[in-house]
């Protein structure tokens, strides 16, 4: 990991992003990395790309895609109109895991949230990802709320 670069994702990165999203136990159950890509990914990428409150970021090591994450910048009235940064879809290529890249990616994302005026950074994590919980806590995140979802 000698020459890491962070940049907004391009459409050409989408197959690699989807491959990373699918490359774990939970991802294999809910993602479709077949080629050609499911048009749902193309539509979602287009929506993210045109929304100024969204950023899909890729991380490259010597021009090789090694990580990705998405940040949603959320305006709100609570907490005196505080903006929040929501970090989602964090993935690291299998051959780059356990080398400190996750910490670097979160430090970058937190700095980006700060730069965009956010007063809070939040994320959700699957209850089955115990190792991820420890990682987030080591970064300073606290499990202060109980999250809920409703599948539609």
Protein backbone atom coordinates (compact mmCIF):
# COMPACT_ATOMS: atom_id res chain seq x y z
CA UNK A 1 0.00 0.00 0.00
CA UNK A 2 2.58 2.48 -1.10
CA UNK A 3 0.63 4.88 -3.29
CA UNK A 4 -2.93 5.10 -1.98
CA UNK A 5 -5.28 7.58 -3.60
CA UNK A 6 -8.86 8.45 -2.73
CA UNK A 7 -11.16 9.75 -5.45
CA UNK A 8 -14.82 9.90 -6.45
CA UNK A 9 -15.89 6.70 -8.18
CA UNK A 10 -16.41 6.63 -11.93
CA UNK A 11 -18.86 4.46 -13.83
CA UNK A 12 -15.92 2.31 -14.99
CA UNK A 13 -15.24 1.46 -11.30
CA UNK A 14 -18.72 0.02 -10.77
CA UNK A 15 -17.95 -3.65 -11.58
CA UNK A 16 -15.03 -3.60 -9.13
CA UNK A 17 -17.16 -1.92 -6.46
CA UNK A 18 -19.92 -4.52 -6.83
CA UNK A 19 -17.35 -7.31 -6.68
CA UNK A 20 -16.06 -5.93 -3.36
CA UNK A 21 -19.60 -5.52 -2.00
CA UNK A 22 -20.30 -9.17 -2.81
CA UNK A 23 -17.03 -10.50 -1.39
CA UNK A 24 -18.06 -11.51 2.12
CA UNK A 25 -20.57 -13.82 3.77
CA UNK A 26 -23.38 -11.27 3.94
CA UNK A 27 -22.59 -9.67 0.59
CA UNK A 28 -22.82 -12.99 -1.24
CA UNK A 29 -26.42 -13.25 -0.02
CA UNK A 30 -27.56 -9.83 -1.14
CA UNK A 31 -25.39 -8.69 -4.08
CA UNK A 32 -25.24 -9.75 -7.72
CA UNK A 33 -21.76 -9.52 -9.20
CA UNK A 34 -22.69 -11.23 -12.48
CA UNK A 35 -21.63 -9.68 -15.76
CA UNK A 36 -23.18 -7.70 -17.28
CA UNK A 37 -24.07 -5.73 -14.17
CA UNK A 38 -27.63 -5.68 -12.98
CA UNK A 39 -29.14 -2.39 -14.20
CA UNK A 40 -30.17 -1.59 -10.62
CA UNK A 41 -26.51 -0.88 -9.85
CA UNK A 42 -26.23 1.41 -12.87
CA UNK A 43 -29.35 3.32 -11.83
CA UNK A 44 -28.17 3.62 -8.22
CA UNK A 45 -24.74 4.83 -9.31
CA UNK A 46 -26.30 7.47 -11.56
CA UNK A 47 -28.48 8.71 -8.68
CA UNK A 48 -25.51 8.88 -6.31
CA UNK A 49 -23.34 10.59 -8.92
CA UNK A 50 -25.83 13.41 -9.57
CA UNK A 51 -26.70 14.04 -5.90
CA UNK A 52 -24.44 16.70 -4.30
CA UNK A 53 -25.13 15.18 -0.86
CA UNK A 54 -23.71 11.79 -1.89
CA UNK A 55 -20.22 10.66 -2.68
CA UNK A 56 -19.08 7.20 -3.71
CA UNK A 57 -15.35 6.96 -3.13
CA UNK A 58 -12.82 4.43 -4.31
CA UNK A 59 -9.35 3.83 -2.98
CA UNK A 60 -6.57 2.81 -5.33
CA UNK A 61 -3.15 1.36 -4.60
CA UNK A 62 -0.91 2.05 -7.58
CA UNK A 63 -4.00 2.40 -9.81
CA UNK A 64 -5.55 -0.88 -8.57
CA UNK A 65 -9.00 -0.61 -6.93
CA UNK A 66 -8.60 -1.78 -3.31
CA UNK A 67 -11.47 -0.19 -1.39
CA UNK A 68 -14.72 1.73 -1.57
CA UNK A 69 -17.19 3.56 0.62
CA UNK A 70 -20.19 5.84 0.29
CA UNK A 71 -20.92 8.95 2.34
CA UNK A 72 -24.34 10.55 2.50
CA UNK A 73 -24.43 14.09 3.86
CA UNK A 74 -27.71 14.53 5.72
CA UNK A 75 -29.14 17.92 6.65
CA UNK A 76 -31.39 17.96 9.67
CA UNK A 77 -33.25 20.28 11.98
CA UNK A 78 -32.42 18.43 15.19
CA UNK A 79 -29.29 19.35 17.14
CA UNK A 80 -29.53 22.96 15.96
CA UNK A 81 -29.66 22.07 12.28
CA UNK A 82 -26.61 19.81 12.42
CA UNK A 83 -25.45 18.01 9.29
CA UNK A 84 -24.54 14.33 9.63
CA UNK A 85 -22.30 12.13 7.58
CA UNK A 86 -23.62 8.60 7.06
CA UNK A 87 -20.91 6.12 6.04
CA UNK A 88 -22.12 3.03 4.15
CA UNK A 89 -20.88 0.26 1.89
CA UNK A 90 -17.33 0.14 3.20
CA UNK A 91 -15.40 -2.67 1.54
CA UNK A 92 -11.77 -3.61 1.10
CA UNK A 93 -10.43 -6.01 -1.52
CA UNK A 94 -9.65 -9.39 0.07
CA UNK A 95 -5.91 -9.19 -0.57
CA UNK A 96 -5.70 -5.77 1.14
CA UNK A 97 -7.55 -6.59 4.37
CA UNK A 98 -5.90 -6.51 7.82
CA UNK A 99 -3.23 -4.04 6.67
CA UNK A 100 -4.62 -0.80 8.15
CA UNK A 101 -6.51 0.29 5.05
CA UNK A 102 -9.88 0.32 6.85
CA UNK A 103 -8.56 2.76 9.44
CA UNK A 104 -7.13 4.99 6.71
CA UNK A 105 -10.41 4.92 4.83
CA UNK A 106 -12.40 5.90 7.92
CA UNK A 107 -9.96 8.65 8.83
CA UNK A 108 -10.34 10.01 5.29
CA UNK A 109 -14.15 9.75 5.44
CA UNK A 110 -14.36 11.42 8.85
CA UNK A 111 -12.13 14.25 7.64
CA UNK A 112 -14.36 14.64 4.57
CA UNK A 113 -17.45 14.85 6.80
CA UNK A 114 -15.72 17.46 8.93
CA UNK A 115 -14.70 19.39 5.80
CA UNK A 116 -18.33 19.37 4.61
CA UNK A 117 -19.53 20.83 7.94
CA UNK A 118 -20.92 17.72 9.59
CA UNK A 119 -21.13 17.70 13.36
CA UNK A 120 -21.71 13.96 13.59
CA UNK A 121 -20.63 10.86 11.69
CA UNK A 122 -22.82 7.78 11.89
CA UNK A 123 -23.01 4.32 10.42
CA UNK A 124 -25.00 1.14 10.67
CA UNK A 125 -23.46 -2.27 10.90
CA UNK A 126 -25.01 -5.71 10.76
CA UNK A 127 -25.37 -7.26 14.21
CA UNK A 128 -23.49 -10.33 12.96
CA UNK A 129 -20.34 -8.35 12.15
CA UNK A 130 -18.80 -8.58 15.63
CA UNK A 131 -15.25 -7.86 14.41
CA UNK A 132 -16.53 -4.74 12.64
CA UNK A 133 -18.17 -3.55 15.88
CA UNK A 134 -14.82 -3.74 17.68
CA UNK A 135 -13.14 -1.92 14.80
CA UNK A 136 -15.69 0.93 14.88
CA UNK A 137 -15.42 1.23 18.65
CA UNK A 138 -11.62 1.47 18.33
CA UNK A 139 -12.19 4.41 15.96
CA UNK A 140 -14.31 6.15 18.62
CA UNK A 141 -17.81 5.24 17.47
CA UNK A 142 -20.29 4.35 20.19
CA UNK A 143 -23.37 2.16 19.97
CA UNK A 144 -25.58 4.96 21.27
CA UNK A 145 -28.78 4.04 19.38
CA UNK A 146 -30.65 0.95 18.31
CA UNK A 147 -31.17 0.89 14.55
CA UNK A 148 -34.20 -0.65 12.88
CA UNK A 149 -35.07 -1.42 9.28
CA UNK A 150 -38.23 -2.29 7.41
CA UNK A 151 -37.79 -4.25 4.19
CA UNK A 152 -40.17 -3.06 1.46
